[in-house]
């Protein structure tokens, strides 16, 4: 079997010290299952047959196929993997299994790694990926609001409105996504602390964006537009993303995306119902507080049977924004270790 240490995704496998850890925290595996993982990782990229498992893990002890199946199932659970959409262990039907994640050999002293936060490389990887995912959500949201606002504009002005709204939503989404994603990344994610990390990151960035935004409006235009999106909305969305990222380790990638979108949608619905505002509500608030503004989102309300961008419009767009933000951020953070 392999010796030394190997890093794959957020995991470190110390073969000599017989220890699997994630972010410095030990992952509990019995001796035989750890032997099976060491065999798979040592042969990464190559097929490991059932006969080889019997020879090197069970050492000739007669076992049923169910014993090997249960072993692989337990390993996948420990790694947060899925048989349907494997990130680490791939099944080769009727032949065996293959370890498919990228593996990096590392140096080790054989001493257990101390519990602590992610290495900065992992923090930057997860945080940067989540920020990029939020940027994608911002572009898609800006495209939606830009098209809705462009309806009321002359042909030449419509393109300007579209580009401006896409730029605004992109900047706001990148800021919020960075706070949430890096908050999760430094909170020893994925764990229940992911929820607190995401909420704290969203709270801090939301508060700063709102404070700077209000001061900027007062300084440049002489008055504040009112209570647009800020700390509480950021904390709620951050907690939703943190919860989804933690739970995503137990399901397939597609289910993880669906779960993150659903959690974000529920949060996006709750915020306007509780009196808060997301991007659509904030844009409408800005337009109404500055009479010279040509921005109008009434077309969305008209489609929903409202005279303007009313409560129903804010709720529906809140669901859309929350679902987009949650799915894009979580999806990007899950894909980052694979790449």
Protein backbone atom coordinates (compact mmCIF):
# COMPACT_ATOMS: atom_id res chain seq x y z
CA UNK A 1 0.00 0.00 0.00
CA UNK A 2 0.95 3.65 -0.36
CA UNK A 3 2.96 5.47 2.29
CA UNK A 4 3.47 9.16 2.96
CA UNK A 5 0.73 11.77 2.85
CA UNK A 6 -1.73 12.81 0.17
CA UNK A 7 -3.95 15.85 -0.17
CA UNK A 8 -7.15 15.73 -2.22
CA UNK A 9 -9.85 18.38 -2.09
CA UNK A 10 -10.09 19.58 1.52
CA UNK A 11 -8.74 16.25 2.87
CA UNK A 12 -5.30 15.18 4.06
CA UNK A 13 -4.55 11.45 4.24
CA UNK A 14 -1.53 10.57 6.39
CA UNK A 15 -0.81 6.94 5.49
CA UNK A 16 2.08 6.52 7.93
CA UNK A 17 0.17 8.11 10.80
CA UNK A 18 -3.02 6.33 9.65
CA UNK A 19 -5.15 9.45 9.85
CA UNK A 20 -7.64 11.14 7.55
CA UNK A 21 -8.35 14.77 8.37
CA UNK A 22 -10.41 17.59 6.96
CA UNK A 23 -9.32 21.14 7.79
CA UNK A 24 -7.24 19.71 10.64
CA UNK A 25 -10.16 17.79 12.16
CA UNK A 26 -9.92 14.00 12.18
CA UNK A 27 -12.43 12.01 10.09
CA UNK A 28 -13.43 8.83 11.90
CA UNK A 29 -12.79 5.60 9.93
CA UNK A 30 -12.10 2.10 11.20
CA UNK A 31 -8.80 0.46 10.36
CA UNK A 32 -10.02 -1.68 7.47
CA UNK A 33 -11.89 1.12 5.76
CA UNK A 34 -8.85 3.37 6.17
CA UNK A 35 -6.76 0.65 4.46
CA UNK A 36 -9.23 0.65 1.57
CA UNK A 37 -8.97 4.42 1.21
CA UNK A 38 -5.16 4.28 1.30
CA UNK A 39 -5.26 1.63 -1.43
CA UNK A 40 -7.58 3.72 -3.61
CA UNK A 41 -5.67 6.98 -3.15
CA UNK A 42 -2.32 5.28 -3.74
CA UNK A 43 -3.62 3.93 -7.04
CA UNK A 44 -5.39 7.17 -7.97
CA UNK A 45 -6.54 7.10 -11.57
CA UNK A 46 -6.12 3.32 -11.82
CA UNK A 47 -8.80 0.68 -11.42
CA UNK A 48 -8.69 -1.22 -8.12
CA UNK A 49 -10.35 -4.60 -8.58
CA UNK A 50 -12.34 -6.57 -6.04
CA UNK A 51 -9.57 -9.18 -5.93
CA UNK A 52 -7.02 -6.53 -5.03
CA UNK A 53 -9.24 -5.26 -2.21
CA UNK A 54 -9.54 -8.81 -0.88
CA UNK A 55 -5.81 -9.35 -1.09
CA UNK A 56 -4.56 -6.05 0.37
CA UNK A 57 -7.41 -4.92 2.66
CA UNK A 58 -9.02 -8.14 3.86
CA UNK A 59 -5.75 -10.05 3.36
CA UNK A 60 -7.40 -13.20 2.05
CA UNK A 61 -10.21 -13.34 4.64
CA UNK A 62 -13.34 -14.53 2.78
CA UNK A 63 -15.97 -11.77 2.63
CA UNK A 64 -19.10 -11.17 0.59
CA UNK A 65 -19.53 -8.53 -2.07
CA UNK A 66 -21.75 -6.68 0.40
CA UNK A 67 -18.77 -6.10 2.71
CA UNK A 68 -16.87 -4.25 -0.03
CA UNK A 69 -20.01 -2.36 -1.06
CA UNK A 70 -20.54 -1.24 2.54
CA UNK A 71 -16.88 -0.22 2.79
CA UNK A 72 -17.13 2.02 -0.29
CA UNK A 73 -20.45 3.43 0.89
CA UNK A 74 -18.90 4.39 4.24
CA UNK A 75 -15.90 5.99 2.53
CA UNK A 76 -18.16 8.04 0.28
CA UNK A 77 -20.15 9.22 3.27
CA UNK A 78 -16.96 10.26 5.07
CA UNK A 79 -15.79 12.19 1.99
CA UNK A 80 -19.19 13.73 1.23
CA UNK A 81 -19.23 11.86 -2.08
CA UNK A 82 -22.03 10.39 -4.18
CA UNK A 83 -22.22 7.24 -6.27
CA UNK A 84 -24.46 8.98 -8.80
CA UNK A 85 -22.13 11.97 -9.29
CA UNK A 86 -18.77 10.93 -7.85
CA UNK A 87 -16.11 13.49 -7.00
CA UNK A 88 -13.71 11.05 -5.33
CA UNK A 89 -14.62 7.36 -5.79
CA UNK A 90 -15.96 6.15 -9.11
CA UNK A 91 -17.62 2.76 -9.55
CA UNK A 92 -16.51 0.68 -12.53
CA UNK A 93 -19.45 -1.76 -12.82
CA UNK A 94 -18.50 -5.44 -12.38
CA UNK A 95 -14.81 -4.57 -12.13
CA UNK A 96 -14.05 -2.42 -9.09
CA UNK A 97 -13.46 1.20 -8.12
CA UNK A 98 -11.25 4.10 -9.12
CA UNK A 99 -10.16 7.20 -7.16
CA UNK A 100 -10.78 10.11 -9.58
CA UNK A 101 -9.98 13.26 -7.57
CA UNK A 102 -6.71 15.09 -8.12
CA UNK A 103 -4.15 13.87 -5.57
CA UNK A 104 -1.12 15.82 -4.35
CA UNK A 105 1.68 14.05 -2.48
CA UNK A 106 2.80 16.08 0.55
CA UNK A 107 5.57 15.93 3.11
CA UNK A 108 4.67 14.98 6.67
CA UNK A 109 6.44 14.34 9.93
CA UNK A 110 3.93 11.66 10.83
CA UNK A 111 2.54 13.80 13.67
CA UNK A 112 -1.19 14.47 13.67
CA UNK A 113 -2.13 17.77 12.11
CA UNK A 114 -3.36 20.29 14.68
CA UNK A 115 -6.97 21.31 14.58
CA UNK A 116 -7.34 24.77 13.14
CA UNK A 117 -8.76 26.79 10.27
CA UNK A 118 -8.35 25.94 6.63
CA UNK A 119 -4.92 26.57 5.12
CA UNK A 120 -5.01 29.98 3.44
CA UNK A 121 -4.85 28.27 0.06
CA UNK A 122 -8.18 26.57 0.73
CA UNK A 123 -9.69 29.77 2.10
CA UNK A 124 -8.72 31.66 -1.04
CA UNK A 125 -9.94 28.83 -3.27
CA UNK A 126 -13.39 28.51 -1.66
CA UNK A 127 -13.83 32.23 -1.05
CA UNK A 128 -12.76 33.17 -4.56
CA UNK A 129 -15.00 30.53 -6.12
CA UNK A 130 -18.01 31.66 -4.11
CA UNK A 131 -17.34 35.27 -5.07
CA UNK A 132 -17.21 34.33 -8.75
CA UNK A 133 -20.46 32.40 -8.39
CA UNK A 134 -22.11 35.43 -6.80
CA UNK A 135 -20.87 37.54 -9.71
CA UNK A 136 -22.61 35.21 -12.14
CA UNK A 137 -25.82 35.53 -10.13
CA UNK A 138 -25.44 39.33 -10.19
CA UNK A 139 -25.04 39.39 -13.96
CA UNK A 140 -28.12 37.24 -14.48
CA UNK A 141 -30.14 39.36 -12.06
CA UNK A 142 -28.92 42.55 -13.71
CA UNK A 143 -29.89 41.18 -17.10
CA UNK A 144 -33.42 40.49 -15.82
CA UNK A 145 -33.89 43.92 -14.22
CA UNK A 146 -32.19 45.65 -17.15
CA UNK A 147 -34.57 44.07 -19.65
CA UNK A 148 -37.55 44.98 -17.47
CA UNK A 149 -36.39 48.60 -17.13
CA UNK A 150 -35.49 48.88 -20.82
CA UNK A 151 -39.15 48.44 -21.79
CA UNK A 152 -39.86 52.05 -20.76
CA UNK A 153 -36.78 53.49 -22.49
CA UNK A 154 -36.18 54.77 -26.02
CA UNK A 155 -34.31 52.38 -28.28
CA UNK A 156 -30.94 54.08 -27.77
CA UNK A 157 -31.38 54.43 -24.02
CA UNK A 158 -32.43 50.82 -23.46
CA UNK A 159 -28.93 49.45 -23.99
CA UNK A 160 -27.47 51.96 -21.54
CA UNK A 161 -30.01 51.00 -18.89
CA UNK A 162 -29.26 47.32 -19.41
CA UNK A 163 -25.50 47.78 -19.11
CA UNK A 164 -25.74 50.08 -16.09
CA UNK A 165 -28.02 47.74 -14.15
CA UNK A 166 -25.86 44.73 -14.97
CA UNK A 167 -22.80 46.60 -13.72
CA UNK A 168 -24.55 47.71 -10.51
CA UNK A 169 -25.91 44.28 -9.67
CA UNK A 170 -22.55 42.69 -10.50
CA UNK A 171 -20.67 44.95 -8.05
CA UNK A 172 -23.22 44.44 -5.27
CA UNK A 173 -23.32 40.67 -5.81
CA UNK A 174 -19.52 40.39 -5.83
CA UNK A 175 -19.30 42.30 -2.54
CA UNK A 176 -22.03 40.24 -0.88
CA UNK A 177 -20.73 36.98 -2.32
CA UNK A 178 -17.20 37.69 -1.11
CA UNK A 179 -18.42 38.32 2.43
CA UNK A 180 -20.53 35.17 2.54
CA UNK A 181 -18.07 32.85 0.77
CA UNK A 182 -14.98 33.93 2.71
CA UNK A 183 -17.02 33.83 5.93
CA UNK A 184 -17.85 30.19 5.22
CA UNK A 185 -14.29 29.40 4.14
CA UNK A 186 -12.69 30.62 7.37
CA UNK A 187 -15.27 28.93 9.58
CA UNK A 188 -13.79 25.42 9.17
CA UNK A 189 -16.41 24.68 6.54
CA UNK A 190 -18.26 22.51 5.85
CA UNK A 191 -19.68 22.24 9.36
CA UNK A 192 -22.47 23.86 11.39
CA UNK A 193 -20.08 26.80 11.72
CA UNK A 194 -20.62 27.39 8.01
CA UNK A 195 -23.98 28.90 8.91
CA UNK A 196 -22.42 31.35 11.36
CA UNK A 197 -19.57 32.14 8.98
CA UNK A 198 -21.90 32.87 6.08
CA UNK A 199 -24.23 34.97 8.25
CA UNK A 200 -21.34 36.96 9.75
CA UNK A 201 -19.78 37.62 6.35
CA UNK A 202 -23.10 38.71 4.87
CA UNK A 203 -23.86 40.88 7.89
CA UNK A 204 -20.53 42.72 7.81
CA UNK A 205 -20.47 43.34 4.06
CA UNK A 206 -24.16 44.28 3.97
CA UNK A 207 -23.66 46.80 6.76
CA UNK A 208 -20.60 48.33 5.08
CA UNK A 209 -22.25 48.56 1.66
CA UNK A 210 -25.34 50.19 3.13
CA UNK A 211 -23.33 52.64 5.25
CA UNK A 212 -21.09 53.68 2.37
CA UNK A 213 -24.03 53.82 -0.02
CA UNK A 214 -26.14 56.05 2.21
CA UNK A 215 -23.21 58.38 2.88
CA UNK A 216 -22.44 58.55 -0.83
CA UNK A 217 -26.01 59.54 -1.69
CA UNK A 218 -26.05 62.21 1.03
CA UNK A 219 -22.70 63.58 -0.12
CA UNK A 220 -23.39 63.56 -3.86
CA UNK A 221 -27.14 64.17 -4.07
CA UNK A 222 -28.00 65.84 -0.78
CA UNK A 223 -30.33 63.22 0.70
CA UNK A 224 -30.62 59.53 1.45
CA UNK A 225 -32.88 57.26 -0.64
CA UNK A 226 -34.11 55.36 2.43
CA UNK A 227 -33.75 51.92 3.88
CA UNK A 228 -32.36 49.75 1.06
CA UNK A 229 -30.79 46.31 1.41
CA UNK A 230 -28.12 45.94 4.08
CA UNK A 231 -26.88 43.99 7.07
CA UNK A 232 -29.95 41.95 8.01
CA UNK A 233 -30.64 40.88 4.45
CA UNK A 234 -26.98 39.94 4.01
CA UNK A 235 -26.98 37.92 7.22
CA UNK A 236 -30.13 36.02 6.23
CA UNK A 237 -28.83 35.12 2.77
CA UNK A 238 -25.39 34.28 4.20
CA UNK A 239 -26.88 31.89 6.75
CA UNK A 240 -28.94 30.25 4.00
CA UNK A 241 -25.86 29.71 1.82
CA UNK A 242 -23.83 28.43 4.79
CA UNK A 243 -26.52 25.91 5.68
CA UNK A 244 -26.79 24.75 2.07
CA UNK A 245 -23.02 24.37 1.71
CA UNK A 246 -22.83 22.30 4.89
CA UNK A 247 -25.71 20.01 3.89
CA UNK A 248 -24.42 19.75 0.31
CA UNK A 249 -21.59 17.48 1.44
CA UNK A 250 -24.12 14.70 2.00
CA UNK A 251 -25.84 14.72 -1.40
CA UNK A 252 -25.01 14.70 -5.10
CA UNK A 253 -23.99 17.90 -6.90
CA UNK A 254 -27.36 18.32 -8.61
CA UNK A 255 -29.26 17.85 -5.40
CA UNK A 256 -26.92 20.27 -3.68
CA UNK A 257 -27.67 22.96 -6.27
CA UNK A 258 -31.41 22.32 -6.02
CA UNK A 259 -31.23 22.47 -2.23
CA UNK A 260 -29.24 25.73 -2.28
CA UNK A 261 -31.68 27.27 -4.75
CA UNK A 262 -34.65 26.22 -2.61
CA UNK A 263 -33.10 27.56 0.59
CA UNK A 264 -32.20 30.83 -1.14
CA UNK A 265 -35.70 31.13 -2.58
CA UNK A 266 -37.31 30.70 0.85
CA UNK A 267 -34.97 33.31 2.30
CA UNK A 268 -35.61 35.63 -0.65
CA UNK A 269 -39.35 35.32 -0.05
CA UNK A 270 -39.07 35.86 3.71
CA UNK A 271 -37.01 39.07 3.48
CA UNK A 272 -39.62 41.27 1.70
CA UNK A 273 -42.44 39.72 3.72
CA UNK A 274 -40.54 40.78 6.87
CA UNK A 275 -40.16 44.33 5.57
CA UNK A 276 -36.66 44.04 4.09
CA UNK A 277 -35.49 44.65 0.54
CA UNK A 278 -33.28 42.79 -1.88
CA UNK A 279 -31.89 44.19 -5.12
CA UNK A 280 -35.19 44.69 -6.94
CA UNK A 281 -36.83 46.41 -3.98
CA UNK A 282 -33.76 48.61 -3.48
CA UNK A 283 -33.68 49.68 -7.13
CA UNK A 284 -37.36 50.58 -7.00
CA UNK A 285 -36.79 52.54 -3.77
CA UNK A 286 -33.96 54.53 -5.38
CA UNK A 287 -36.10 55.32 -8.43
CA UNK A 288 -39.01 56.56 -6.30
CA UNK A 289 -36.84 58.72 -4.05
CA UNK A 290 -35.12 60.55 -6.89
CA UNK A 291 -37.82 62.13 -9.10
CA UNK A 292 -35.38 62.73 -11.95
CA UNK A 293 -34.61 59.03 -12.28
CA UNK A 294 -35.72 57.29 -15.45
CA UNK A 295 -35.44 53.84 -13.88
CA UNK A 296 -38.76 52.03 -13.75
CA UNK A 297 -39.49 48.41 -12.85
CA UNK A 298 -43.25 48.77 -13.28
CA UNK A 299 -43.21 46.31 -16.18
CA UNK A 300 -42.58 43.50 -13.70
CA UNK A 301 -45.53 44.60 -11.59
CA UNK A 302 -47.79 44.83 -14.65
CA UNK A 303 -47.00 41.23 -15.53
CA UNK A 304 -48.08 40.23 -12.01
CA UNK A 305 -51.24 42.35 -12.04
CA UNK A 306 -49.89 45.22 -9.92
CA UNK A 307 -49.94 48.92 -10.81
CA UNK A 308 -46.25 49.24 -9.91
CA UNK A 309 -43.41 47.32 -8.30
CA UNK A 310 -45.52 46.32 -5.30
CA UNK A 311 -45.33 43.69 -2.55
CA UNK A 312 -46.04 40.77 -4.89
CA UNK A 313 -43.33 41.93 -7.30
CA UNK A 314 -40.83 42.26 -4.44
CA UNK A 315 -41.70 38.77 -3.19
CA UNK A 316 -41.44 37.10 -6.59
CA UNK A 317 -38.18 38.83 -7.49
CA UNK A 318 -36.88 38.08 -4.00
CA UNK A 319 -37.45 34.37 -4.62
CA UNK A 320 -35.58 34.67 -7.93
CA UNK A 321 -32.65 36.59 -6.41
CA UNK A 322 -32.31 34.25 -3.44
CA UNK A 323 -32.44 31.13 -5.59
CA UNK A 324 -29.86 32.49 -8.05
CA UNK A 325 -27.50 33.66 -5.32
CA UNK A 326 -27.69 30.43 -3.32
CA UNK A 327 -27.32 28.09 -6.30
CA UNK A 328 -24.45 30.01 -7.93
CA UNK A 329 -22.41 30.52 -4.76
CA UNK A 330 -22.80 26.97 -3.45
CA UNK A 331 -22.29 25.46 -6.91
CA UNK A 332 -19.07 27.37 -7.45
CA UNK A 333 -17.73 26.47 -3.99
CA UNK A 334 -18.46 22.78 -4.58
CA UNK A 335 -16.83 22.79 -8.01
CA UNK A 336 -13.66 24.59 -6.90
CA UNK A 337 -11.95 21.60 -5.15
CA UNK A 338 -12.71 19.39 -8.17
CA UNK A 339 -10.86 21.73 -10.51
